[in-house]
Structures are given as structure tokens and as C-alpha cells.
Amino acid sequence: MKFLLAALLIACALPASAANHSVSIKGMKFSPASLNVAAGDTITFTNGDMMPHTASGSAFDTGNIAPGKSKKVTISAAGAHVYRCKLHPSMKGKVTAK
């Protein structure tokens, strides 16, 4: 009985595994434009346009993403993180991490 209780306490104390999310870049837009994640989650940005783009903000910066390529970022801090394409500033998105 003590072993079972100890195992249950350890299992509850372990952090949940991080999730993976996807954002596509197509037609000069991020889709989805708004995304809810948990701190520690990973986002993969995939460029489906014929020109390079970035996903850049104060919390992360993918650098240039070539057409047909992807880049991953990990959201390390909770909060609302607004990002834009440095090459096309009208393109914007938001990641909200809890």
C-alpha cells in the first residue's frame, strides 16, 4: 500500500510532457494567427509561400525560413507573445502561453 501511494505521488509530481503545435505560413498570413500553448511547448513554423518569412518577437525569433522549410521554437515563458515577419511587417500573430 505504501509503495502504491509513493508511486502515485511521484507520478503526480512529474511535469506534463510538452506539446507540439504547428503554424503554417501561406498567402502572406500565419495560420492560425492566434495560438494558445503551455510554457515549454514547441511550435513549428512551416513556410508554404514562395518567399522567405520570419516569425519574430520578443520571446522568440525563427530567423529566415526559406520556402518549403520549417523552423521550431520553444515557448519558455508564460504570457502573450506577439510576433511578426521581419520581412513583411503586416504579417502578425500571437502566442499565448500559460
PDB file of N, CA and C in Angstrom:
ATOM      1  N   MET A   1       0.820  -1.180   0.000  1.00  0.00           N
ATOM      2  CA  MET A   1       0.000   0.000   0.000  1.00  0.00           C
ATOM      3  C   MET A   1       0.872   1.256   0.000  1.00  0.00           C
ATOM      4  N   LYS A   2       1.948   1.285   0.799  1.00  0.00           N
ATOM      5  CA  LYS A   2       2.839   2.435   0.843  1.00  0.00           C
ATOM      6  C   LYS A   2       3.513   2.637  -0.508  1.00  0.00           C
ATOM      7  N   PHE A   3       3.885   1.529  -1.158  1.00  0.00           N
ATOM      8  CA  PHE A   3       4.520   1.607  -2.465  1.00  0.00           C
ATOM      9  C   PHE A   3       3.569   2.237  -3.477  1.00  0.00           C
ATOM     10  N   LEU A   4       2.323   1.826  -3.462  1.00  0.00           N
ATOM     11  CA  LEU A   4       1.328   2.368  -4.387  1.00  0.00           C
ATOM     12  C   LEU A   4       1.121   3.857  -4.153  1.00  0.00           C
ATOM     13  N   LEU A   5       1.046   4.270  -2.911  1.00  0.00           N
ATOM     14  CA  LEU A   5       0.879   5.674  -2.571  1.00  0.00           C
ATOM     15  C   LEU A   5       2.098   6.481  -3.016  1.00  0.00           C
ATOM     16  N   ALA A   6       3.283   5.961  -2.797  1.00  0.00           N
ATOM     17  CA  ALA A   6       4.507   6.645  -3.207  1.00  0.00           C
ATOM     18  C   ALA A   6       4.568   6.776  -4.725  1.00  0.00           C
ATOM     19  N   ALA A   7       4.228   5.728  -5.436  1.00  0.00           N
ATOM     20  CA  ALA A   7       4.226   5.763  -6.898  1.00  0.00           C
ATOM     21  C   ALA A   7       3.232   6.795  -7.413  1.00  0.00           C
ATOM     22  N   LEU A   8       2.073   6.879  -6.798  1.00  0.00           N
ATOM     23  CA  LEU A   8       1.056   7.847  -7.200  1.00  0.00           C
ATOM     24  C   LEU A   8       1.544   9.269  -6.959  1.00  0.00           C
ATOM     25  N   LEU A   9       2.177   9.517  -5.835  1.00  0.00           N
ATOM     26  CA  LEU A   9       2.699  10.853  -5.538  1.00  0.00           C
ATOM     27  C   LEU A   9       3.793  11.261  -6.516  1.00  0.00           C
ATOM     28  N   ILE A  10       4.658  10.336  -6.869  1.00  0.00           N
ATOM     29  CA  ILE A  10       5.731  10.625  -7.826  1.00  0.00           C
ATOM     30  C   ILE A  10       5.137  10.918  -9.196  1.00  0.00           C
ATOM     31  N   ALA A  11       4.164  10.135  -9.618  1.00  0.00           N
ATOM     32  CA  ALA A  11       3.539  10.335 -10.926  1.00  0.00           C
ATOM     33  C   ALA A  11       2.868  11.699 -11.002  1.00  0.00           C
ATOM     34  N   CYS A  12       2.239  12.125  -9.936  1.00  0.00           N
ATOM     35  CA  CYS A  12       1.571  13.427  -9.915  1.00  0.00           C
ATOM     36  C   CYS A  12       2.574  14.572  -9.890  1.00  0.00           C
ATOM     37  N   ALA A  13       3.751  14.341  -9.373  1.00  0.00           N
ATOM     38  CA  ALA A  13       4.760  15.390  -9.256  1.00  0.00           C
ATOM     39  C   ALA A  13       5.525  15.594 -10.558  1.00  0.00           C
ATOM     40  N   LEU A  14       5.513  14.624 -11.462  1.00  0.00           N
ATOM     41  CA  LEU A  14       6.247  14.749 -12.709  1.00  0.00           C
ATOM     42  C   LEU A  14       5.565  15.779 -13.610  1.00  0.00           C
ATOM     43  N   PRO A  15       6.340  16.622 -14.283  1.00  0.00           N
ATOM     44  CA  PRO A  15       5.740  17.620 -15.161  1.00  0.00           C
ATOM     45  C   PRO A  15       5.111  16.955 -16.378  1.00  0.00           C
ATOM     46  N   ALA A  16       4.055  17.574 -16.880  1.00  0.00           N
ATOM     47  CA  ALA A  16       3.418  17.061 -18.098  1.00  0.00           C
ATOM     48  C   ALA A  16       4.385  17.252 -19.257  1.00  0.00           C
ATOM     49  N   SER A  17       4.353  16.347 -20.213  1.00  0.00           N
ATOM     50  CA  SER A  17       5.257  16.473 -21.346  1.00  0.00           C
ATOM     51  C   SER A  17       4.794  17.623 -22.239  1.00  0.00           C
ATOM     52  N   ALA A  18       5.761  18.269 -22.837  1.00  0.00           N
ATOM     53  CA  ALA A  18       5.480  19.417 -23.687  1.00  0.00           C
ATOM     54  C   ALA A  18       4.769  18.970 -24.959  1.00  0.00           C
ATOM     55  N   ALA A  19       3.895  19.834 -25.438  1.00  0.00           N
ATOM     56  CA  ALA A  19       3.144  19.554 -26.666  1.00  0.00           C
ATOM     57  C   ALA A  19       3.819  20.235 -27.854  1.00  0.00           C
ATOM     58  N   ASN A  20       3.512  19.736 -29.037  1.00  0.00           N
ATOM     59  CA  ASN A  20       3.990  20.335 -30.281  1.00  0.00           C
ATOM     60  C   ASN A  20       2.811  20.959 -31.007  1.00  0.00           C
ATOM     61  N   HIS A  21       3.015  22.162 -31.527  1.00  0.00           N
ATOM     62  CA  HIS A  21       1.977  22.887 -32.257  1.00  0.00           C
ATOM     63  C   HIS A  21       2.539  23.276 -33.620  1.00  0.00           C
ATOM     64  N   SER A  22       1.643  23.531 -34.576  1.00  0.00           N
ATOM     65  CA  SER A  22       2.069  23.907 -35.923  1.00  0.00           C
ATOM     66  C   SER A  22       1.418  25.216 -36.342  1.00  0.00           C
ATOM     67  N   VAL A  23       2.208  26.056 -36.995  1.00  0.00           N
ATOM     68  CA  VAL A  23       1.703  27.281 -37.619  1.00  0.00           C
ATOM     69  C   VAL A  23       2.177  27.254 -39.065  1.00  0.00           C
ATOM     70  N   SER A  24       1.251  27.395 -39.998  1.00  0.00           N
ATOM     71  CA  SER A  24       1.633  27.440 -41.408  1.00  0.00           C
ATOM     72  C   SER A  24       1.702  28.887 -41.857  1.00  0.00           C
ATOM     73  N   ILE A  25       2.578  29.130 -42.808  1.00  0.00           N
ATOM     74  CA  ILE A  25       2.745  30.460 -43.394  1.00  0.00           C
ATOM     75  C   ILE A  25       2.396  30.312 -44.866  1.00  0.00           C
ATOM     76  N   LYS A  26       1.291  30.921 -45.250  1.00  0.00           N
ATOM     77  CA  LYS A  26       0.806  30.780 -46.628  1.00  0.00           C
ATOM     78  C   LYS A  26      -0.049  31.991 -46.958  1.00  0.00           C
ATOM     79  N   GLY A  27       0.097  32.524 -48.159  1.00  0.00           N
ATOM     80  CA  GLY A  27      -0.706  33.668 -48.573  1.00  0.00           C
ATOM     81  C   GLY A  27      -0.405  34.910 -47.751  1.00  0.00           C
ATOM     82  N   MET A  28       0.857  35.038 -47.314  1.00  0.00           N
ATOM     83  CA  MET A  28       1.287  36.184 -46.510  1.00  0.00           C
ATOM     84  C   MET A  28       0.538  36.277 -45.182  1.00  0.00           C
ATOM     85  N   LYS A  29       0.178  35.086 -44.599  1.00  0.00           N
ATOM     86  CA  LYS A  29      -0.504  35.049 -43.301  1.00  0.00           C
ATOM     87  C   LYS A  29       0.034  33.887 -42.476  1.00  0.00           C
ATOM     88  N   PHE A  30      -0.043  34.043 -41.152  1.00  0.00           N
ATOM     89  CA  PHE A  30       0.219  32.956 -40.219  1.00  0.00           C
ATOM     90  C   PHE A  30      -1.111  32.287 -39.921  1.00  0.00           C
ATOM     91  N   SER A  31      -1.134  30.967 -39.941  1.00  0.00           N
ATOM     92  CA  SER A  31      -2.374  30.249 -39.654  1.00  0.00           C
ATOM     93  C   SER A  31      -2.092  29.065 -38.740  1.00  0.00           C
ATOM     94  N   PRO A  32      -2.675  29.056 -37.543  1.00  0.00           N
ATOM     95  CA  PRO A  32      -3.597  30.059 -37.005  1.00  0.00           C
ATOM     96  C   PRO A  32      -2.838  31.324 -36.611  1.00  0.00           C
ATOM     97  N   ALA A  33      -3.542  32.456 -36.656  1.00  0.00           N
ATOM     98  CA  ALA A  33      -2.929  33.732 -36.291  1.00  0.00           C
ATOM     99  C   ALA A  33      -2.805  33.867 -34.780  1.00  0.00           C
ATOM    100  N   SER A  34      -3.636  33.145 -34.039  1.00  0.00           N
ATOM    101  CA  SER A  34      -3.599  33.164 -32.579  1.00  0.00           C
ATOM    102  C   SER A  34      -3.556  31.727 -32.084  1.00  0.00           C
ATOM    103  N   LEU A  35      -2.659  31.467 -31.142  1.00  0.00           N
ATOM    104  CA  LEU A  35      -2.441  30.104 -30.668  1.00  0.00           C
ATOM    105  C   LEU A  35      -2.271  30.102 -29.154  1.00  0.00           C
ATOM    106  N   ASN A  36      -2.951  29.178 -28.476  1.00  0.00           N
ATOM    107  CA  ASN A  36      -2.808  29.002 -27.026  1.00  0.00           C
ATOM    108  C   ASN A  36      -1.954  27.774 -26.758  1.00  0.00           C
ATOM    109  N   VAL A  37      -0.908  27.957 -25.957  1.00  0.00           N
ATOM    110  CA  VAL A  37       0.026  26.878 -25.648  1.00  0.00           C
ATOM    111  C   VAL A  37       0.353  26.911 -24.159  1.00  0.00           C
ATOM    112  N   ALA A  38       1.127  25.949 -23.733  1.00  0.00           N
ATOM    113  CA  ALA A  38       1.676  25.950 -22.366  1.00  0.00           C
ATOM    114  C   ALA A  38       3.153  26.304 -22.448  1.00  0.00           C
ATOM    115  N   ALA A  39       3.664  26.971 -21.427  1.00  0.00           N
ATOM    116  CA  ALA A  39       5.100  27.239 -21.383  1.00  0.00           C
ATOM    117  C   ALA A  39       5.842  25.914 -21.488  1.00  0.00           C
ATOM    118  N   GLY A  40       6.856  25.867 -22.323  1.00  0.00           N
ATOM    119  CA  GLY A  40       7.608  24.642 -22.574  1.00  0.00           C
ATOM    120  C   GLY A  40       7.201  23.941 -23.855  1.00  0.00           C
ATOM    121  N   ASP A  41       6.068  24.339 -24.432  1.00  0.00           N
ATOM    122  CA  ASP A  41       5.615  23.737 -25.693  1.00  0.00           C
ATOM    123  C   ASP A  41       6.478  24.213 -26.858  1.00  0.00           C
ATOM    124  N   THR A  42       6.466  23.428 -27.933  1.00  0.00           N
ATOM    125  CA  THR A  42       7.211  23.739 -29.147  1.00  0.00           C
ATOM    126  C   THR A  42       6.232  24.101 -30.260  1.00  0.00           C
ATOM    127  N   ILE A  43       6.616  25.098 -31.059  1.00  0.00           N
ATOM    128  CA  ILE A  43       5.829  25.491 -32.227  1.00  0.00           C
ATOM    129  C   ILE A  43       6.704  25.317 -33.457  1.00  0.00           C
ATOM    130  N   THR A  44       6.169  24.640 -34.472  1.00  0.00           N
ATOM    131  CA  THR A  44       6.851  24.503 -35.751  1.00  0.00           C
ATOM    132  C   THR A  44       6.191  25.443 -36.748  1.00  0.00           C
ATOM    133  N   PHE A  45       6.983  26.372 -37.285  1.00  0.00           N
ATOM    134  CA  PHE A  45       6.518  27.293 -38.318  1.00  0.00           C
ATOM    135  C   PHE A  45       6.948  26.725 -39.666  1.00  0.00           C
ATOM    136  N   THR A  46       5.979  26.498 -40.562  1.00  0.00           N
ATOM    137  CA  THR A  46       6.266  25.931 -41.876  1.00  0.00           C
ATOM    138  C   THR A  46       5.886  26.939 -42.953  1.00  0.00           C
ATOM    139  N   ASN A  47       6.861  27.279 -43.793  1.00  0.00           N
ATOM    140  CA  ASN A  47       6.664  28.287 -44.833  1.00  0.00           C
ATOM    141  C   ASN A  47       6.171  27.633 -46.119  1.00  0.00           C
ATOM    142  N   GLY A  48       4.903  27.864 -46.457  1.00  0.00           N
ATOM    143  CA  GLY A  48       4.320  27.359 -47.692  1.00  0.00           C
ATOM    144  C   GLY A  48       4.260  28.401 -48.792  1.00  0.00           C
ATOM    145  N   ASP A  49       4.851  29.576 -48.553  1.00  0.00           N
ATOM    146  CA  ASP A  49       4.885  30.627 -49.565  1.00  0.00           C
ATOM    147  C   ASP A  49       6.107  30.451 -50.458  1.00  0.00           C
ATOM    148  N   MET A  50       6.164  31.264 -51.516  1.00  0.00           N
ATOM    149  CA  MET A  50       7.275  31.198 -52.460  1.00  0.00           C
ATOM    150  C   MET A  50       8.391  32.194 -52.118  1.00  0.00           C
ATOM    151  N   MET A  51       8.307  32.809 -50.933  1.00  0.00           N
ATOM    152  CA  MET A  51       9.317  33.772 -50.491  1.00  0.00           C
ATOM    153  C   MET A  51       9.665  33.488 -49.041  1.00  0.00           C
ATOM    154  N   PRO A  52      10.836  33.917 -48.585  1.00  0.00           N
ATOM    155  CA  PRO A  52      11.197  33.685 -47.182  1.00  0.00           C
ATOM    156  C   PRO A  52      10.353  34.540 -46.238  1.00  0.00           C
ATOM    157  N   HIS A  53      10.206  34.049 -45.006  1.00  0.00           N
ATOM    158  CA  HIS A  53       9.500  34.753 -43.940  1.00  0.00           C
ATOM    159  C   HIS A  53      10.240  34.505 -42.633  1.00  0.00           C
ATOM    160  N   THR A  54       9.877  35.285 -41.609  1.00  0.00           N
ATOM    161  CA  THR A  54      10.342  35.039 -40.247  1.00  0.00           C
ATOM    162  C   THR A  54       9.127  35.027 -39.331  1.00  0.00           C
ATOM    163  N   ALA A  55       9.297  34.523 -38.140  1.00  0.00           N
ATOM    164  CA  ALA A  55       8.329  34.678 -37.052  1.00  0.00           C
ATOM    165  C   ALA A  55       9.162  35.222 -35.903  1.00  0.00           C
ATOM    166  N   SER A  56       9.056  36.525 -35.679  1.00  0.00           N
ATOM    167  CA  SER A  56       9.981  37.204 -34.777  1.00  0.00           C
ATOM    168  C   SER A  56       9.249  38.080 -33.772  1.00  0.00           C
ATOM    169  N   GLY A  57       9.639  37.942 -32.510  1.00  0.00           N
ATOM    170  CA  GLY A  57       9.081  38.761 -31.448  1.00  0.00           C
ATOM    171  C   GLY A  57      10.050  38.799 -30.289  1.00  0.00           C
ATOM    172  N   SER A  58       9.602  39.314 -29.167  1.00  0.00           N
ATOM    173  CA  SER A  58      10.498  39.427 -28.015  1.00  0.00           C
ATOM    174  C   SER A  58      10.791  38.076 -27.363  1.00  0.00           C
ATOM    175  N   ALA A  59       9.900  37.091 -27.545  1.00  0.00           N
ATOM    176  CA  ALA A  59      10.080  35.786 -26.903  1.00  0.00           C
ATOM    177  C   ALA A  59      10.815  34.770 -27.782  1.00  0.00           C
ATOM    178  N   PHE A  60      10.801  34.974 -29.088  1.00  0.00           N
ATOM    179  CA  PHE A  60      11.457  34.031 -29.995  1.00  0.00           C
ATOM    180  C   PHE A  60      11.687  34.689 -31.346  1.00  0.00           C
ATOM    181  N   ASP A  61      12.594  34.094 -32.133  1.00  0.00           N
ATOM    182  CA  ASP A  61      12.881  34.559 -33.490  1.00  0.00           C
ATOM    183  C   ASP A  61      13.347  33.359 -34.302  1.00  0.00           C
ATOM    184  N   THR A  62      12.589  33.024 -35.324  1.00  0.00           N
ATOM    185  CA  THR A  62      12.950  31.876 -36.152  1.00  0.00           C
ATOM    186  C   THR A  62      14.109  32.162 -37.087  1.00  0.00           C
ATOM    187  N   GLY A  63      14.407  33.439 -37.319  1.00  0.00           N
ATOM    188  CA  GLY A  63      15.310  33.763 -38.403  1.00  0.00           C
ATOM    189  C   GLY A  63      14.577  33.504 -39.712  1.00  0.00           C
ATOM    190  N   ASN A  64      15.271  33.645 -40.826  1.00  0.00           N
ATOM    191  CA  ASN A  64      14.631  33.428 -42.124  1.00  0.00           C
ATOM    192  C   ASN A  64      14.216  31.971 -42.284  1.00  0.00           C
ATOM    193  N   ILE A  65      12.997  31.776 -42.758  1.00  0.00           N
ATOM    194  CA  ILE A  65      12.500  30.439 -43.093  1.00  0.00           C
ATOM    195  C   ILE A  65      12.328  30.416 -44.607  1.00  0.00           C
ATOM    196  N   ALA A  66      13.130  29.625 -45.276  1.00  0.00           N
ATOM    197  CA  ALA A  66      13.081  29.539 -46.737  1.00  0.00           C
ATOM    198  C   ALA A  66      11.776  28.881 -47.187  1.00  0.00           C
ATOM    199  N   PRO A  67      11.346  29.150 -48.416  1.00  0.00           N
ATOM    200  CA  PRO A  67      10.142  28.496 -48.939  1.00  0.00           C
ATOM    201  C   PRO A  67      10.245  26.972 -48.832  1.00  0.00           C
ATOM    202  N   GLY A  68       9.179  26.356 -48.338  1.00  0.00           N
ATOM    203  CA  GLY A  68       9.141  24.904 -48.199  1.00  0.00           C
ATOM    204  C   GLY A  68       9.859  24.363 -46.973  1.00  0.00           C
ATOM    205  N   LYS A  69      10.421  25.233 -46.157  1.00  0.00           N
ATOM    206  CA  LYS A  69      11.177  24.801 -44.974  1.00  0.00           C
ATOM    207  C   LYS A  69      10.426  25.125 -43.694  1.00  0.00           C
ATOM    208  N   SER A  70      10.901  24.561 -42.583  1.00  0.00           N
ATOM    209  CA  SER A  70      10.286  24.762 -41.263  1.00  0.00           C
ATOM    210  C   SER A  70      11.349  25.122 -40.242  1.00  0.00           C
ATOM    211  N   LYS A  71      10.922  25.810 -39.199  1.00  0.00           N
ATOM    212  CA  LYS A  71      11.777  26.097 -38.045  1.00  0.00           C
ATOM    213  C   LYS A  71      10.950  25.904 -36.790  1.00  0.00           C
ATOM    214  N   LYS A  72      11.606  25.422 -35.722  1.00  0.00           N
ATOM    215  CA  LYS A  72      10.941  25.179 -34.441  1.00  0.00           C
ATOM    216  C   LYS A  72      11.419  26.175 -33.402  1.00  0.00           C
ATOM    217  N   VAL A  73      10.485  26.570 -32.545  1.00  0.00           N
ATOM    218  CA  VAL A  73      10.820  27.402 -31.385  1.00  0.00           C
ATOM    219  C   VAL A  73      10.145  26.788 -30.168  1.00  0.00           C
ATOM    220  N   THR A  74      10.750  26.993 -29.011  1.00  0.00           N
ATOM    221  CA  THR A  74      10.159  26.549 -27.748  1.00  0.00           C
ATOM    222  C   THR A  74       9.740  27.787 -26.964  1.00  0.00           C
ATOM    223  N   ILE A  75       8.509  27.783 -26.500  1.00  0.00           N
ATOM    224  CA  ILE A  75       7.983  28.898 -25.722  1.00  0.00           C
ATOM    225  C   ILE A  75       8.355  28.656 -24.265  1.00  0.00           C
ATOM    226  N   SER A  76       9.269  29.461 -23.750  1.00  0.00           N
ATOM    227  CA  SER A  76       9.783  29.199 -22.407  1.00  0.00           C
ATOM    228  C   SER A  76       9.080  29.977 -21.309  1.00  0.00           C
ATOM    229  N   ALA A  77       8.399  31.062 -21.664  1.00  0.00           N
ATOM    230  CA  ALA A  77       7.778  31.899 -20.629  1.00  0.00           C
ATOM    231  C   ALA A  77       6.278  32.060 -20.861  1.00  0.00           C
ATOM    232  N   ALA A  78       5.537  32.106 -19.778  1.00  0.00           N
ATOM    233  CA  ALA A  78       4.096  32.356 -19.860  1.00  0.00           C
ATOM    234  C   ALA A  78       3.856  33.807 -20.266  1.00  0.00           C
ATOM    235  N   GLY A  79       2.708  34.052 -20.883  1.00  0.00           N
ATOM    236  CA  GLY A  79       2.336  35.407 -21.275  1.00  0.00           C
ATOM    237  C   GLY A  79       1.883  35.462 -22.713  1.00  0.00           C
ATOM    238  N   ALA A  80       1.525  36.663 -23.141  1.00  0.00           N
ATOM    239  CA  ALA A  80       1.108  36.900 -24.531  1.00  0.00           C
ATOM    240  C   ALA A  80       2.332  37.332 -25.330  1.00  0.00           C
ATOM    241  N   HIS A  81       2.632  36.594 -26.381  1.00  0.00           N
ATOM    242  CA  HIS A  81       3.817  36.846 -27.198  1.00  0.00           C
ATOM    243  C   HIS A  81       3.373  37.193 -28.627  1.00  0.00           C
ATOM    244  N   VAL A  82       3.486  38.468 -28.975  1.00  0.00           N
ATOM    245  CA  VAL A  82       3.145  38.918 -30.318  1.00  0.00           C
ATOM    246  C   VAL A  82       4.375  38.767 -31.194  1.00  0.00           C
ATOM    247  N   TYR A  83       4.170  38.322 -32.437  1.00  0.00           N
ATOM    248  CA  TYR A  83       5.290  38.182 -33.352  1.00  0.00           C
ATOM    249  C   TYR A  83       4.889  38.682 -34.738  1.00  0.00           C
ATOM    250  N   ARG A  84       5.884  38.985 -35.544  1.00  0.00           N
ATOM    251  CA  ARG A  84       5.682  39.477 -36.910  1.00  0.00           C
ATOM    252  C   ARG A  84       6.733  38.861 -37.822  1.00  0.00           C
ATOM    253  N   CYS A  85       6.484  38.985 -39.114  1.00  0.00           N
ATOM    254  CA  CYS A  85       7.512  38.661 -40.094  1.00  0.00           C
ATOM    255  C   CYS A  85       8.365  39.918 -40.259  1.00  0.00           C
ATOM    256  N   LYS A  86       9.671  39.807 -40.033  1.00  0.00           N
ATOM    257  CA  LYS A  86      10.557  40.962 -40.170  1.00  0.00           C
ATOM    258  C   LYS A  86      10.612  41.463 -41.614  1.00  0.00           C
ATOM    259  N   LEU A  87      10.377  40.565 -42.563  1.00  0.00           N
ATOM    260  CA  LEU A  87      10.450  40.926 -43.977  1.00  0.00           C
ATOM    261  C   LEU A  87       9.139  41.516 -44.485  1.00  0.00           C
ATOM    262  N   HIS A  88       8.038  41.182 -43.822  1.00  0.00           N
ATOM    263  CA  HIS A  88       6.694  41.626 -44.218  1.00  0.00           C
ATOM    264  C   HIS A  88       5.932  42.002 -42.950  1.00  0.00           C
ATOM    265  N   PRO A  89       6.167  43.203 -42.408  1.00  0.00           N
ATOM    266  CA  PRO A  89       5.641  43.579 -41.088  1.00  0.00           C
ATOM    267  C   PRO A  89       4.120  43.545 -40.942  1.00  0.00           C
ATOM    268  N   SER A  90       3.387  43.504 -42.047  1.00  0.00           N
ATOM    269  CA  SER A  90       1.924  43.414 -41.928  1.00  0.00           C
ATOM    270  C   SER A  90       1.490  42.012 -41.498  1.00  0.00           C
ATOM    271  N   MET A  91       2.385  41.043 -41.601  1.00  0.00           N
ATOM    272  CA  MET A  91       2.093  39.677 -41.153  1.00  0.00           C
ATOM    273  C   MET A  91       2.346  39.599 -39.656  1.00  0.00           C
ATOM    274  N   LYS A  92       1.306  39.259 -38.897  1.00  0.00           N
ATOM    275  CA  LYS A  92       1.483  39.179 -37.446  1.00  0.00           C
ATOM    276  C   LYS A  92       0.684  38.032 -36.859  1.00  0.00           C
ATOM    277  N   GLY A  93       1.123  37.593 -35.694  1.00  0.00           N
ATOM    278  CA  GLY A  93       0.458  36.516 -34.975  1.00  0.00           C
ATOM    279  C   GLY A  93       0.663  36.687 -33.485  1.00  0.00           C
ATOM    280  N   LYS A  94       0.005  35.826 -32.721  1.00  0.00           N
ATOM    281  CA  LYS A  94       0.103  35.912 -31.261  1.00  0.00           C
ATOM    282  C   LYS A  94       0.081  34.513 -30.672  1.00  0.00           C
ATOM    283  N   VAL A  95       0.998  34.271 -29.747  1.00  0.00           N
ATOM    284  CA  VAL A  95       1.040  33.036 -28.979  1.00  0.00           C
ATOM    285  C   VAL A  95       0.785  33.400 -27.522  1.00  0.00           C
ATOM    286  N   THR A  96      -0.214  32.768 -26.921  1.00  0.00           N
ATOM    287  CA  THR A  96      -0.494  32.979 -25.506  1.00  0.00           C
ATOM    288  C   THR A  96      -0.114  31.711 -24.762  1.00  0.00           C
ATOM    289  N   ALA A  97       0.849  31.836 -23.846  1.00  0.00           N
ATOM    290  CA  ALA A  97       1.339  30.682 -23.089  1.00  0.00           C
ATOM    291  C   ALA A  97       0.905  30.794 -21.634  1.00  0.00           C
ATOM    292  N   LYS A  98       0.458  29.669 -21.097  1.00  0.00           N
ATOM    293  CA  LYS A  98       0.050  29.619 -19.680  1.00  0.00           C
ATOM    294  C   LYS A  98       1.057  28.832 -18.892  1.00  0.00           C
TER     295      LYS A  98
END
